[in-house]
């Protein structure tokens, strides 16, 4: 099944530029299926929405059977690990859910053995070379992560949430400047963060440590809020638009703006949708905090930039972001949540 996924990825990305009509058709279909979920015409499915975004980029070549079989296989491994392990000093009513989430975390961050010395699954590592997928957009994809065991702060949280939902537990996406992570809830611990790029559980202080998350951004829901079903699905429309930008030649700004506007209808505080919309309206020039304060002659652009400012948006410089993430990687305990300890995490009997 991994071979089937890899073949689809190779054919779709490495082949010659496809006809624009094929690109438009693939993206229109994905847009319709995700908006059907958002607007109640289809049952919402996080996993299916992930597949729709990635399959559109691969122009329909991604194998849905292989994708679902791989997800089911890995969820089964996590469940088996949970059944074979235990929690020390955790006896709250949600102990089964907490253990399953811990099993998914273990599956993603450590090797799981089917027998002594025989691994059944290897850990998924952070891509330290092309972490923003500037050179290869498929590095944003769960399907790519399944094949390469390498991902970023986009593909890894999506994969984690998919596996948790397969096991019947909950995990919520949360946003920070240029970053995605996870929030989860425990009856004993309360809300806690899960950071997969560094395999740790940082406190809220880590999110705010860069100085680019202010109280306005938290209060407005721009950052550090849990994304519900509608917000998560709306975020996929932004992913769809960004993938389309890399696939279409020439690019149709109208499609990108439609994705952004629909996303904002269901998730008004979506920084990614606002930034992408502003970039397209401003002739695709990057939006910065300083440009957001400059007078403009386009009323729609002016309104979009004003919304960003009112929500508390501040641009985080690339060097600050890299320093912020590398500090966590070097010393994950510095901002660790003190309530997540070796005594309440899953351990081998």
C-alpha atoms as a PDB file:
ATOM      1  CA  UNK A   1       0.000   0.000   0.000  1.00  0.00           C
ATOM      2  CA  UNK A   2       2.888   2.378   0.701  1.00  0.00           C
ATOM      3  CA  UNK A   3       4.240   1.540  -2.746  1.00  0.00           C
ATOM      4  CA  UNK A   4       0.864   2.450  -4.265  1.00  0.00           C
ATOM      5  CA  UNK A   5       0.863   5.784  -2.456  1.00  0.00           C
ATOM      6  CA  UNK A   6       4.432   6.505  -3.530  1.00  0.00           C
ATOM      7  CA  UNK A   7       3.664   5.644  -7.169  1.00  0.00           C
ATOM      8  CA  UNK A   8       0.724   8.055  -7.186  1.00  0.00           C
ATOM      9  CA  UNK A   9       2.843  10.825  -5.697  1.00  0.00           C
ATOM     10  CA  UNK A  10       5.675  10.281  -8.186  1.00  0.00           C
ATOM     11  CA  UNK A  11       3.459  10.215 -11.258  1.00  0.00           C
ATOM     12  CA  UNK A  12       1.466  13.285 -10.307  1.00  0.00           C
ATOM     13  CA  UNK A  13       4.346  15.508  -9.268  1.00  0.00           C
ATOM     14  CA  UNK A  14       7.142  14.463 -11.608  1.00  0.00           C
ATOM     15  CA  UNK A  15       5.084  14.287 -14.801  1.00  0.00           C
ATOM     16  CA  UNK A  16       4.724  17.053 -17.401  1.00  0.00           C
ATOM     17  CA  UNK A  17       2.496  20.035 -16.735  1.00  0.00           C
ATOM     18  CA  UNK A  18      -1.081  18.862 -17.069  1.00  0.00           C
ATOM     19  CA  UNK A  19      -3.775  20.680 -19.001  1.00  0.00           C
ATOM     20  CA  UNK A  20      -5.239  23.563 -17.058  1.00  0.00           C
ATOM     21  CA  UNK A  21      -8.707  22.084 -17.459  1.00  0.00           C
ATOM     22  CA  UNK A  22      -7.574  18.979 -15.570  1.00  0.00           C
ATOM     23  CA  UNK A  23      -6.178  21.097 -12.753  1.00  0.00           C
ATOM     24  CA  UNK A  24      -9.326  23.216 -12.551  1.00  0.00           C
ATOM     25  CA  UNK A  25     -11.545  20.140 -12.545  1.00  0.00           C
ATOM     26  CA  UNK A  26      -9.616  18.429  -9.747  1.00  0.00           C
ATOM     27  CA  UNK A  27      -9.660  21.533  -7.572  1.00  0.00           C
ATOM     28  CA  UNK A  28     -13.307  22.367  -8.218  1.00  0.00           C
ATOM     29  CA  UNK A  29     -14.292  18.846  -7.180  1.00  0.00           C
ATOM     30  CA  UNK A  30     -12.282  19.089  -3.961  1.00  0.00           C
ATOM     31  CA  UNK A  31     -13.726  22.532  -3.234  1.00  0.00           C
ATOM     32  CA  UNK A  32     -17.274  21.251  -3.707  1.00  0.00           C
ATOM     33  CA  UNK A  33     -16.736  18.214  -1.467  1.00  0.00           C
ATOM     34  CA  UNK A  34     -15.231  20.235   1.372  1.00  0.00           C
ATOM     35  CA  UNK A  35     -17.892  22.964   1.172  1.00  0.00           C
ATOM     36  CA  UNK A  36     -20.565  20.247   1.158  1.00  0.00           C
ATOM     37  CA  UNK A  37     -19.169  19.116   4.513  1.00  0.00           C
ATOM     38  CA  UNK A  38     -19.072  22.688   5.796  1.00  0.00           C
ATOM     39  CA  UNK A  39     -22.617  23.487   4.731  1.00  0.00           C
ATOM     40  CA  UNK A  40     -24.317  20.293   5.868  1.00  0.00           C
ATOM     41  CA  UNK A  41     -24.802  18.553   2.512  1.00  0.00           C
ATOM     42  CA  UNK A  42     -22.287  15.846   3.423  1.00  0.00           C
ATOM     43  CA  UNK A  43     -21.105  14.276   6.663  1.00  0.00           C
ATOM     44  CA  UNK A  44     -18.018  16.126   7.952  1.00  0.00           C
ATOM     45  CA  UNK A  45     -14.887  13.985   7.872  1.00  0.00           C
ATOM     46  CA  UNK A  46     -11.494  15.354   8.847  1.00  0.00           C
ATOM     47  CA  UNK A  47      -9.660  12.436   7.244  1.00  0.00           C
ATOM     48  CA  UNK A  48     -11.639  12.764   4.024  1.00  0.00           C
ATOM     49  CA  UNK A  49     -10.986  16.500   3.846  1.00  0.00           C
ATOM     50  CA  UNK A  50      -7.240  15.860   4.163  1.00  0.00           C
ATOM     51  CA  UNK A  51      -7.497  13.348   1.336  1.00  0.00           C
ATOM     52  CA  UNK A  52      -9.478  15.738  -0.883  1.00  0.00           C
ATOM     53  CA  UNK A  53      -6.842  18.478  -0.578  1.00  0.00           C
ATOM     54  CA  UNK A  54      -3.953  16.154  -1.341  1.00  0.00           C
ATOM     55  CA  UNK A  55      -5.754  14.243  -4.093  1.00  0.00           C
ATOM     56  CA  UNK A  56      -6.543  17.514  -5.865  1.00  0.00           C
ATOM     57  CA  UNK A  57      -2.836  18.350  -5.976  1.00  0.00           C
ATOM     58  CA  UNK A  58      -2.154  14.885  -7.385  1.00  0.00           C
ATOM     59  CA  UNK A  59      -4.968  15.473  -9.924  1.00  0.00           C
ATOM     60  CA  UNK A  60      -6.990  12.500  -8.721  1.00  0.00           C
ATOM     61  CA  UNK A  61      -4.073  10.039  -8.771  1.00  0.00           C
ATOM     62  CA  UNK A  62      -3.909   9.438  -5.019  1.00  0.00           C
ATOM     63  CA  UNK A  63      -5.192   5.956  -4.185  1.00  0.00           C
ATOM     64  CA  UNK A  64      -8.014   6.272  -1.592  1.00  0.00           C
ATOM     65  CA  UNK A  65      -7.888   2.576  -0.712  1.00  0.00           C
ATOM     66  CA  UNK A  66      -4.144   2.655  -0.046  1.00  0.00           C
ATOM     67  CA  UNK A  67      -4.515   5.860   1.981  1.00  0.00           C
ATOM     68  CA  UNK A  68      -7.296   4.469   4.174  1.00  0.00           C
ATOM     69  CA  UNK A  69      -5.654   1.070   4.614  1.00  0.00           C
ATOM     70  CA  UNK A  70      -2.461   2.724   5.828  1.00  0.00           C
ATOM     71  CA  UNK A  71      -4.358   4.899   8.301  1.00  0.00           C
ATOM     72  CA  UNK A  72      -6.324   1.897   9.578  1.00  0.00           C
ATOM     73  CA  UNK A  73      -3.155  -0.173   9.910  1.00  0.00           C
ATOM     74  CA  UNK A  74      -1.368   2.468  11.956  1.00  0.00           C
ATOM     75  CA  UNK A  75      -4.412   3.106  14.149  1.00  0.00           C
ATOM     76  CA  UNK A  76      -4.542  -0.635  14.822  1.00  0.00           C
ATOM     77  CA  UNK A  77      -0.884  -0.626  15.857  1.00  0.00           C
ATOM     78  CA  UNK A  78      -1.549   2.283  18.228  1.00  0.00           C
ATOM     79  CA  UNK A  79      -4.562   0.497  19.700  1.00  0.00           C
ATOM     80  CA  UNK A  80      -2.557  -2.698  20.198  1.00  0.00           C
ATOM     81  CA  UNK A  81       0.181  -0.696  21.924  1.00  0.00           C
ATOM     82  CA  UNK A  82      -2.412   0.910  24.202  1.00  0.00           C
ATOM     83  CA  UNK A  83      -3.810  -2.516  25.111  1.00  0.00           C
ATOM     84  CA  UNK A  84      -0.322  -3.735  26.019  1.00  0.00           C
ATOM     85  CA  UNK A  85       0.668  -0.740  28.134  1.00  0.00           C
ATOM     86  CA  UNK A  86      -0.620   1.046  31.179  1.00  0.00           C
ATOM     87  CA  UNK A  87      -0.891   4.406  32.885  1.00  0.00           C
ATOM     88  CA  UNK A  88       0.850   4.999  36.191  1.00  0.00           C
ATOM     89  CA  UNK A  89      -1.109   7.100  38.687  1.00  0.00           C
ATOM     90  CA  UNK A  90      -3.810   8.140  36.238  1.00  0.00           C
ATOM     91  CA  UNK A  91      -7.250   6.932  37.248  1.00  0.00           C
ATOM     92  CA  UNK A  92      -9.604   9.582  35.879  1.00  0.00           C
ATOM     93  CA  UNK A  93     -12.709   8.562  33.932  1.00  0.00           C
ATOM     94  CA  UNK A  94     -11.024   9.410  30.629  1.00  0.00           C
ATOM     95  CA  UNK A  95      -8.015   7.151  31.265  1.00  0.00           C
ATOM     96  CA  UNK A  96      -8.762   5.015  28.184  1.00  0.00           C
ATOM     97  CA  UNK A  97      -8.871   8.078  25.933  1.00  0.00           C
ATOM     98  CA  UNK A  98      -5.739   9.508  27.528  1.00  0.00           C
ATOM     99  CA  UNK A  99      -3.938   6.202  26.971  1.00  0.00           C
ATOM    100  CA  UNK A 100      -5.014   6.054  23.329  1.00  0.00           C
ATOM    101  CA  UNK A 101      -3.758   9.577  22.707  1.00  0.00           C
ATOM    102  CA  UNK A 102      -0.518   8.579  24.366  1.00  0.00           C
ATOM    103  CA  UNK A 103      -0.328   5.563  22.083  1.00  0.00           C
ATOM    104  CA  UNK A 104      -0.646   7.795  19.002  1.00  0.00           C
ATOM    105  CA  UNK A 105       2.067  10.083  20.384  1.00  0.00           C
ATOM    106  CA  UNK A 106       4.301   7.060  21.000  1.00  0.00           C
ATOM    107  CA  UNK A 107       3.657   5.704  17.494  1.00  0.00           C
ATOM    108  CA  UNK A 108       4.655   9.008  15.939  1.00  0.00           C
ATOM    109  CA  UNK A 109       7.709   9.718  18.074  1.00  0.00           C
ATOM    110  CA  UNK A 110       9.257   6.331  18.855  1.00  0.00           C
ATOM    111  CA  UNK A 111       9.827   2.901  17.342  1.00  0.00           C
ATOM    112  CA  UNK A 112       7.148   0.282  17.991  1.00  0.00           C
ATOM    113  CA  UNK A 113       8.273  -3.337  18.027  1.00  0.00           C
ATOM    114  CA  UNK A 114       6.137  -6.324  17.076  1.00  0.00           C
ATOM    115  CA  UNK A 115       8.677  -8.549  18.879  1.00  0.00           C
ATOM    116  CA  UNK A 116      12.024  -7.884  20.591  1.00  0.00           C
ATOM    117  CA  UNK A 117      14.334  -6.411  17.968  1.00  0.00           C
ATOM    118  CA  UNK A 118      11.671  -6.474  15.233  1.00  0.00           C
ATOM    119  CA  UNK A 119      10.175  -3.025  14.554  1.00  0.00           C
ATOM    120  CA  UNK A 120       6.684  -2.753  13.083  1.00  0.00           C
ATOM    121  CA  UNK A 121       6.717   1.038  12.784  1.00  0.00           C
ATOM    122  CA  UNK A 122       9.455   3.670  12.837  1.00  0.00           C
ATOM    123  CA  UNK A 123       9.042   7.205  14.220  1.00  0.00           C
ATOM    124  CA  UNK A 124       8.044  10.204  12.128  1.00  0.00           C
ATOM    125  CA  UNK A 125      10.701  12.918  12.159  1.00  0.00           C
ATOM    126  CA  UNK A 126      10.650  16.656  11.585  1.00  0.00           C
ATOM    127  CA  UNK A 127      11.939  17.721   8.178  1.00  0.00           C
ATOM    128  CA  UNK A 128      14.786  20.080   9.050  1.00  0.00           C
ATOM    129  CA  UNK A 129      15.662  20.802   5.396  1.00  0.00           C
ATOM    130  CA  UNK A 130      12.439  21.993   3.758  1.00  0.00           C
ATOM    131  CA  UNK A 131      10.192  22.513   6.767  1.00  0.00           C
ATOM    132  CA  UNK A 132       8.056  25.204   5.059  1.00  0.00           C
ATOM    133  CA  UNK A 133       7.694  23.046   1.909  1.00  0.00           C
ATOM    134  CA  UNK A 134       9.002  25.907  -0.197  1.00  0.00           C
ATOM    135  CA  UNK A 135      10.752  23.506  -2.589  1.00  0.00           C
ATOM    136  CA  UNK A 136       8.284  20.608  -2.474  1.00  0.00           C
ATOM    137  CA  UNK A 137       4.681  21.399  -1.548  1.00  0.00           C
ATOM    138  CA  UNK A 138       3.872  17.711  -1.045  1.00  0.00           C
ATOM    139  CA  UNK A 139       5.885  17.866   2.176  1.00  0.00           C
ATOM    140  CA  UNK A 140       2.758  19.490   3.650  1.00  0.00           C
ATOM    141  CA  UNK A 141       0.845  16.262   3.005  1.00  0.00           C
ATOM    142  CA  UNK A 142      -0.082  13.336   5.229  1.00  0.00           C
ATOM    143  CA  UNK A 143       0.287  11.022   2.211  1.00  0.00           C
ATOM    144  CA  UNK A 144       3.923  12.130   1.885  1.00  0.00           C
ATOM    145  CA  UNK A 145       4.466  11.673   5.621  1.00  0.00           C
ATOM    146  CA  UNK A 146       3.157   8.114   5.398  1.00  0.00           C
ATOM    147  CA  UNK A 147       5.756   7.287   2.755  1.00  0.00           C
ATOM    148  CA  UNK A 148       8.813   9.193   3.971  1.00  0.00           C
ATOM    149  CA  UNK A 149       8.244   9.288   7.774  1.00  0.00           C
ATOM    150  CA  UNK A 150       9.285  12.938   7.551  1.00  0.00           C
ATOM    151  CA  UNK A 151       6.959  15.892   8.010  1.00  0.00           C
ATOM    152  CA  UNK A 152       6.455  19.394   9.313  1.00  0.00           C
ATOM    153  CA  UNK A 153       4.186  21.386  11.612  1.00  0.00           C
ATOM    154  CA  UNK A 154       1.367  20.960   9.108  1.00  0.00           C
ATOM    155  CA  UNK A 155       1.394  17.298   8.110  1.00  0.00           C
ATOM    156  CA  UNK A 156       2.303  15.929  11.550  1.00  0.00           C
ATOM    157  CA  UNK A 157      -0.605  17.477  13.517  1.00  0.00           C
ATOM    158  CA  UNK A 158      -3.039  16.462  10.762  1.00  0.00           C
ATOM    159  CA  UNK A 159      -1.785  12.879  10.909  1.00  0.00           C
ATOM    160  CA  UNK A 160      -1.969  12.824  14.708  1.00  0.00           C
ATOM    161  CA  UNK A 161      -5.568  14.091  14.708  1.00  0.00           C
ATOM    162  CA  UNK A 162      -6.594  11.551  12.055  1.00  0.00           C
ATOM    163  CA  UNK A 163      -5.205   8.677  14.135  1.00  0.00           C
ATOM    164  CA  UNK A 164      -6.852   9.941  17.319  1.00  0.00           C
ATOM    165  CA  UNK A 165     -10.218  10.143  15.577  1.00  0.00           C
ATOM    166  CA  UNK A 166      -9.722   6.631  14.176  1.00  0.00           C
ATOM    167  CA  UNK A 167      -9.355   5.455  17.787  1.00  0.00           C
ATOM    168  CA  UNK A 168     -12.376   7.432  18.990  1.00  0.00           C
ATOM    169  CA  UNK A 169     -10.418  10.013  20.980  1.00  0.00           C
ATOM    170  CA  UNK A 170     -10.121  13.759  20.459  1.00  0.00           C
ATOM    171  CA  UNK A 171      -7.321  16.117  19.490  1.00  0.00           C
ATOM    172  CA  UNK A 172      -7.770  19.706  18.346  1.00  0.00           C
ATOM    173  CA  UNK A 173      -5.707  21.750  15.943  1.00  0.00           C
ATOM    174  CA  UNK A 174      -4.445  25.082  17.275  1.00  0.00           C
ATOM    175  CA  UNK A 175      -2.616  27.902  15.528  1.00  0.00           C
ATOM    176  CA  UNK A 176       0.383  30.059  16.400  1.00  0.00           C
ATOM    177  CA  UNK A 177       2.273  32.520  14.145  1.00  0.00           C
ATOM    178  CA  UNK A 178       3.337  30.454  11.137  1.00  0.00           C
ATOM    179  CA  UNK A 179       2.767  27.277  13.125  1.00  0.00           C
ATOM    180  CA  UNK A 180       0.234  24.542  13.854  1.00  0.00           C
ATOM    181  CA  UNK A 181       0.180  22.346  16.952  1.00  0.00           C
ATOM    182  CA  UNK A 182      -2.377  20.363  18.976  1.00  0.00           C
ATOM    183  CA  UNK A 183      -4.443  20.892  22.073  1.00  0.00           C
ATOM    184  CA  UNK A 184      -5.950  18.035  24.064  1.00  0.00           C
ATOM    185  CA  UNK A 185      -8.017  17.781  27.214  1.00  0.00           C
ATOM    186  CA  UNK A 186      -7.581  15.534  30.208  1.00  0.00           C
ATOM    187  CA  UNK A 187      -9.867  15.419  33.243  1.00  0.00           C
ATOM    188  CA  UNK A 188      -6.860  15.255  35.533  1.00  0.00           C
ATOM    189  CA  UNK A 189      -4.540  17.682  33.739  1.00  0.00           C
ATOM    190  CA  UNK A 190      -6.913  20.023  31.908  1.00  0.00           C
ATOM    191  CA  UNK A 191      -5.944  21.434  28.519  1.00  0.00           C
ATOM    192  CA  UNK A 192      -2.426  20.598  27.393  1.00  0.00           C
ATOM    193  CA  UNK A 193      -0.398  21.213  24.227  1.00  0.00           C
ATOM    194  CA  UNK A 194       1.216  18.564  22.054  1.00  0.00           C
ATOM    195  CA  UNK A 195       4.140  19.563  19.839  1.00  0.00           C
ATOM    196  CA  UNK A 196       5.142  16.844  17.388  1.00  0.00           C
ATOM    197  CA  UNK A 197       8.090  18.585  15.728  1.00  0.00           C
ATOM    198  CA  UNK A 198       9.993  18.275  19.016  1.00  0.00           C
ATOM    199  CA  UNK A 199       8.015  15.390  20.550  1.00  0.00           C
ATOM    200  CA  UNK A 200       7.086  17.250  23.714  1.00  0.00           C
ATOM    201  CA  UNK A 201       4.236  18.858  25.660  1.00  0.00           C
ATOM    202  CA  UNK A 202       5.053  22.561  25.961  1.00  0.00           C
ATOM    203  CA  UNK A 203       3.154  24.991  28.141  1.00  0.00           C
ATOM    204  CA  UNK A 204       1.263  27.992  26.822  1.00  0.00           C
ATOM    205  CA  UNK A 205       4.309  30.055  27.781  1.00  0.00           C
ATOM    206  CA  UNK A 206       6.171  28.479  24.868  1.00  0.00           C
ATOM    207  CA  UNK A 207       3.520  29.701  22.406  1.00  0.00           C
ATOM    208  CA  UNK A 208       3.787  33.211  23.784  1.00  0.00           C
ATOM    209  CA  UNK A 209       7.559  33.159  24.248  1.00  0.00           C
ATOM    210  CA  UNK A 210       8.320  34.653  20.851  1.00  0.00           C
ATOM    211  CA  UNK A 211       6.431  37.838  21.777  1.00  0.00           C
ATOM    212  CA  UNK A 212       4.315  37.685  18.624  1.00  0.00           C
ATOM    213  CA  UNK A 213       1.181  36.387  20.336  1.00  0.00           C
ATOM    214  CA  UNK A 214      -0.540  39.189  22.212  1.00  0.00           C
ATOM    215  CA  UNK A 215      -3.693  39.161  24.310  1.00  0.00           C
ATOM    216  CA  UNK A 216      -5.737  40.588  21.429  1.00  0.00           C
ATOM    217  CA  UNK A 217      -4.744  37.662  19.204  1.00  0.00           C
ATOM    218  CA  UNK A 218      -5.687  35.174  21.927  1.00  0.00           C
ATOM    219  CA  UNK A 219      -8.963  36.907  22.774  1.00  0.00           C
ATOM    220  CA  UNK A 220     -10.015  37.112  19.109  1.00  0.00           C
ATOM    221  CA  UNK A 221      -9.301  33.438  18.477  1.00  0.00           C
ATOM    222  CA  UNK A 222      -6.549  34.201  15.975  1.00  0.00           C
ATOM    223  CA  UNK A 223      -4.053  32.094  17.921  1.00  0.00           C
ATOM    224  CA  UNK A 224      -4.002  29.440  20.650  1.00  0.00           C
ATOM    225  CA  UNK A 225      -7.678  28.514  20.342  1.00  0.00           C
ATOM    226  CA  UNK A 226      -8.965  24.998  19.703  1.00  0.00           C
ATOM    227  CA  UNK A 227     -10.351  24.575  16.205  1.00  0.00           C
ATOM    228  CA  UNK A 228     -13.710  22.848  16.003  1.00  0.00           C
ATOM    229  CA  UNK A 229     -15.037  20.835  13.078  1.00  0.00           C
ATOM    230  CA  UNK A 230     -16.062  23.859  11.006  1.00  0.00           C
ATOM    231  CA  UNK A 231     -12.825  25.768  11.590  1.00  0.00           C
ATOM    232  CA  UNK A 232     -10.717  22.719  10.731  1.00  0.00           C
ATOM    233  CA  UNK A 233     -12.624  22.098   7.496  1.00  0.00           C
ATOM    234  CA  UNK A 234     -12.408  25.794   6.609  1.00  0.00           C
ATOM    235  CA  UNK A 235      -8.641  25.639   7.065  1.00  0.00           C
ATOM    236  CA  UNK A 236      -8.504  22.938   4.389  1.00  0.00           C
ATOM    237  CA  UNK A 237      -9.942  25.396   1.868  1.00  0.00           C
ATOM    238  CA  UNK A 238      -6.872  27.569   2.470  1.00  0.00           C
ATOM    239  CA  UNK A 239      -4.655  24.504   1.975  1.00  0.00           C
ATOM    240  CA  UNK A 240      -6.577  23.806  -1.225  1.00  0.00           C
ATOM    241  CA  UNK A 241      -6.006  27.350  -2.490  1.00  0.00           C
ATOM    242  CA  UNK A 242      -2.287  27.215  -1.702  1.00  0.00           C
ATOM    243  CA  UNK A 243      -1.912  23.896  -3.497  1.00  0.00           C
ATOM    244  CA  UNK A 244      -3.785  25.334  -6.470  1.00  0.00           C
ATOM    245  CA  UNK A 245      -1.334  28.235  -6.617  1.00  0.00           C
ATOM    246  CA  UNK A 246       1.480  25.752  -7.164  1.00  0.00           C
ATOM    247  CA  UNK A 247      -0.427  23.663  -9.703  1.00  0.00           C
ATOM    248  CA  UNK A 248      -2.268  26.154 -11.905  1.00  0.00           C
ATOM    249  CA  UNK A 249      -0.607  27.774 -14.903  1.00  0.00           C
ATOM    250  CA  UNK A 250      -1.866  30.395 -15.339  1.00  0.00           C
ATOM    251  CA  UNK A 251      -3.373  30.818 -11.888  1.00  0.00           C
ATOM    252  CA  UNK A 252      -6.990  31.879 -11.488  1.00  0.00           C
ATOM    253  CA  UNK A 253      -7.124  34.428  -8.674  1.00  0.00           C
ATOM    254  CA  UNK A 254     -10.901  34.027  -8.537  1.00  0.00           C
ATOM    255  CA  UNK A 255     -10.608  30.427  -7.323  1.00  0.00           C
ATOM    256  CA  UNK A 256      -8.095  31.337  -4.614  1.00  0.00           C
ATOM    257  CA  UNK A 257     -10.277  34.213  -3.406  1.00  0.00           C
ATOM    258  CA  UNK A 258     -13.360  31.989  -3.410  1.00  0.00           C
ATOM    259  CA  UNK A 259     -11.576  29.483  -1.198  1.00  0.00           C
ATOM    260  CA  UNK A 260     -10.474  32.250   1.181  1.00  0.00           C
ATOM    261  CA  UNK A 261     -13.904  33.888   1.358  1.00  0.00           C
ATOM    262  CA  UNK A 262     -15.700  30.598   1.995  1.00  0.00           C
ATOM    263  CA  UNK A 263     -13.154  29.711   4.673  1.00  0.00           C
ATOM    264  CA  UNK A 264     -13.635  33.083   6.363  1.00  0.00           C
ATOM    265  CA  UNK A 265     -17.413  32.637   6.349  1.00  0.00           C
ATOM    266  CA  UNK A 266     -16.976  29.624   8.618  1.00  0.00           C
ATOM    267  CA  UNK A 267     -13.767  30.673  10.384  1.00  0.00           C
ATOM    268  CA  UNK A 268     -13.602  34.497  10.521  1.00  0.00           C
ATOM    269  CA  UNK A 269     -10.395  34.564  12.583  1.00  0.00           C
ATOM    270  CA  UNK A 270      -8.393  32.418  10.157  1.00  0.00           C
ATOM    271  CA  UNK A 271      -5.059  34.207   9.793  1.00  0.00           C
ATOM    272  CA  UNK A 272      -4.000  31.993   6.879  1.00  0.00           C
ATOM    273  CA  UNK A 273      -7.123  32.841   4.862  1.00  0.00           C
ATOM    274  CA  UNK A 274      -6.797  36.563   5.567  1.00  0.00           C
ATOM    275  CA  UNK A 275      -3.099  36.639   4.690  1.00  0.00           C
ATOM    276  CA  UNK A 276      -3.575  34.687   1.476  1.00  0.00           C
ATOM    277  CA  UNK A 277      -6.535  36.834   0.459  1.00  0.00           C
ATOM    278  CA  UNK A 278      -4.595  40.027   1.124  1.00  0.00           C
ATOM    279  CA  UNK A 279      -1.608  38.721  -0.846  1.00  0.00           C
ATOM    280  CA  UNK A 280      -3.792  37.963  -3.875  1.00  0.00           C
ATOM    281  CA  UNK A 281      -5.620  41.281  -3.658  1.00  0.00           C
ATOM    282  CA  UNK A 282      -2.276  43.039  -3.357  1.00  0.00           C
ATOM    283  CA  UNK A 283      -0.933  41.416  -6.527  1.00  0.00           C
ATOM    284  CA  UNK A 284       0.357  38.492  -4.491  1.00  0.00           C
ATOM    285  CA  UNK A 285       2.901  40.624  -2.665  1.00  0.00           C
ATOM    286  CA  UNK A 286       3.746  39.228   0.797  1.00  0.00           C
ATOM    287  CA  UNK A 287       1.749  40.888   3.569  1.00  0.00           C
ATOM    288  CA  UNK A 288       3.743  42.280   6.478  1.00  0.00           C
ATOM    289  CA  UNK A 289       2.760  44.011   9.671  1.00  0.00           C
ATOM    290  CA  UNK A 290       4.023  47.319   8.258  1.00  0.00           C
ATOM    291  CA  UNK A 291       2.036  46.997   5.026  1.00  0.00           C
ATOM    292  CA  UNK A 292      -1.059  46.309   7.063  1.00  0.00           C
ATOM    293  CA  UNK A 293      -0.744  49.823   8.473  1.00  0.00           C
ATOM    294  CA  UNK A 294      -0.230  51.591   5.130  1.00  0.00           C
ATOM    295  CA  UNK A 295      -3.070  53.324   3.263  1.00  0.00           C
ATOM    296  CA  UNK A 296      -4.457  51.373   0.285  1.00  0.00           C
ATOM    297  CA  UNK A 297      -6.838  52.197  -2.534  1.00  0.00           C
ATOM    298  CA  UNK A 298      -8.478  48.773  -2.841  1.00  0.00           C
ATOM    299  CA  UNK A 299     -11.462  48.704  -0.427  1.00  0.00           C
ATOM    300  CA  UNK A 300     -11.522  44.903  -0.170  1.00  0.00           C
ATOM    301  CA  UNK A 301      -7.796  44.788   0.519  1.00  0.00           C
ATOM    302  CA  UNK A 302      -8.160  47.609   3.029  1.00  0.00           C
ATOM    303  CA  UNK A 303     -10.929  45.707   4.828  1.00  0.00           C
ATOM    304  CA  UNK A 304      -8.872  42.491   4.895  1.00  0.00           C
ATOM    305  CA  UNK A 305      -5.799  44.221   6.321  1.00  0.00           C
ATOM    306  CA  UNK A 306      -7.928  46.047   8.890  1.00  0.00           C
ATOM    307  CA  UNK A 307      -9.395  42.725  10.011  1.00  0.00           C
ATOM    308  CA  UNK A 308      -5.910  41.317  10.537  1.00  0.00           C
ATOM    309  CA  UNK A 309      -4.909  44.317  12.635  1.00  0.00           C
ATOM    310  CA  UNK A 310      -8.116  44.191  14.679  1.00  0.00           C
ATOM    311  CA  UNK A 311      -7.613  40.498  15.390  1.00  0.00           C
ATOM    312  CA  UNK A 312      -4.175  41.241  16.836  1.00  0.00           C
ATOM    313  CA  UNK A 313      -2.014  39.958  13.998  1.00  0.00           C
ATOM    314  CA  UNK A 314       1.705  40.670  14.147  1.00  0.00           C
ATOM    315  CA  UNK A 315       4.152  39.378  11.575  1.00  0.00           C
ATOM    316  CA  UNK A 316       6.787  37.084  12.994  1.00  0.00           C
ATOM    317  CA  UNK A 317      10.163  37.445  11.206  1.00  0.00           C
ATOM    318  CA  UNK A 318      11.555  34.223   9.806  1.00  0.00           C
ATOM    319  CA  UNK A 319      14.690  34.394  11.948  1.00  0.00           C
ATOM    320  CA  UNK A 320      12.592  34.803  15.098  1.00  0.00           C
ATOM    321  CA  UNK A 321      10.425  31.824  14.164  1.00  0.00           C
ATOM    322  CA  UNK A 322      13.470  29.647  13.522  1.00  0.00           C
ATOM    323  CA  UNK A 323      15.052  30.674  16.812  1.00  0.00           C
ATOM    324  CA  UNK A 324      11.777  30.005  18.632  1.00  0.00           C
ATOM    325  CA  UNK A 325      11.471  26.475  17.225  1.00  0.00           C
ATOM    326  CA  UNK A 326      15.153  25.597  17.569  1.00  0.00           C
ATOM    327  CA  UNK A 327      15.139  26.630  21.226  1.00  0.00           C
ATOM    328  CA  UNK A 328      12.333  24.187  21.895  1.00  0.00           C
ATOM    329  CA  UNK A 329      14.205  21.459  20.030  1.00  0.00           C
ATOM    330  CA  UNK A 330      17.401  22.107  22.023  1.00  0.00           C
ATOM    331  CA  UNK A 331      15.735  22.267  25.424  1.00  0.00           C
ATOM    332  CA  UNK A 332      12.188  20.820  25.323  1.00  0.00           C
ATOM    333  CA  UNK A 333      11.973  20.772  29.120  1.00  0.00           C
ATOM    334  CA  UNK A 334      12.429  24.527  29.391  1.00  0.00           C
ATOM    335  CA  UNK A 335       8.806  25.139  28.456  1.00  0.00           C
ATOM    336  CA  UNK A 336       7.445  21.723  29.391  1.00  0.00           C
ATOM    337  CA  UNK A 337       4.013  21.443  30.958  1.00  0.00           C
ATOM    338  CA  UNK A 338       4.776  20.372  34.555  1.00  0.00           C
ATOM    339  CA  UNK A 339       1.526  18.398  34.721  1.00  0.00           C
ATOM    340  CA  UNK A 340       2.694  15.971  32.011  1.00  0.00           C
ATOM    341  CA  UNK A 341       5.163  13.818  33.925  1.00  0.00           C
ATOM    342  CA  UNK A 342       6.612  10.305  33.605  1.00  0.00           C
ATOM    343  CA  UNK A 343       4.088   9.160  36.213  1.00  0.00           C
ATOM    344  CA  UNK A 344       0.999  10.017  34.184  1.00  0.00           C
ATOM    345  CA  UNK A 345       2.230   9.121  30.707  1.00  0.00           C
ATOM    346  CA  UNK A 346       1.811   5.641  29.214  1.00  0.00           C
ATOM    347  CA  UNK A 347       4.627   3.287  30.127  1.00  0.00           C
ATOM    348  CA  UNK A 348       5.527  -0.273  29.301  1.00  0.00           C
ATOM    349  CA  UNK A 349       4.483  -2.713  32.070  1.00  0.00           C
END
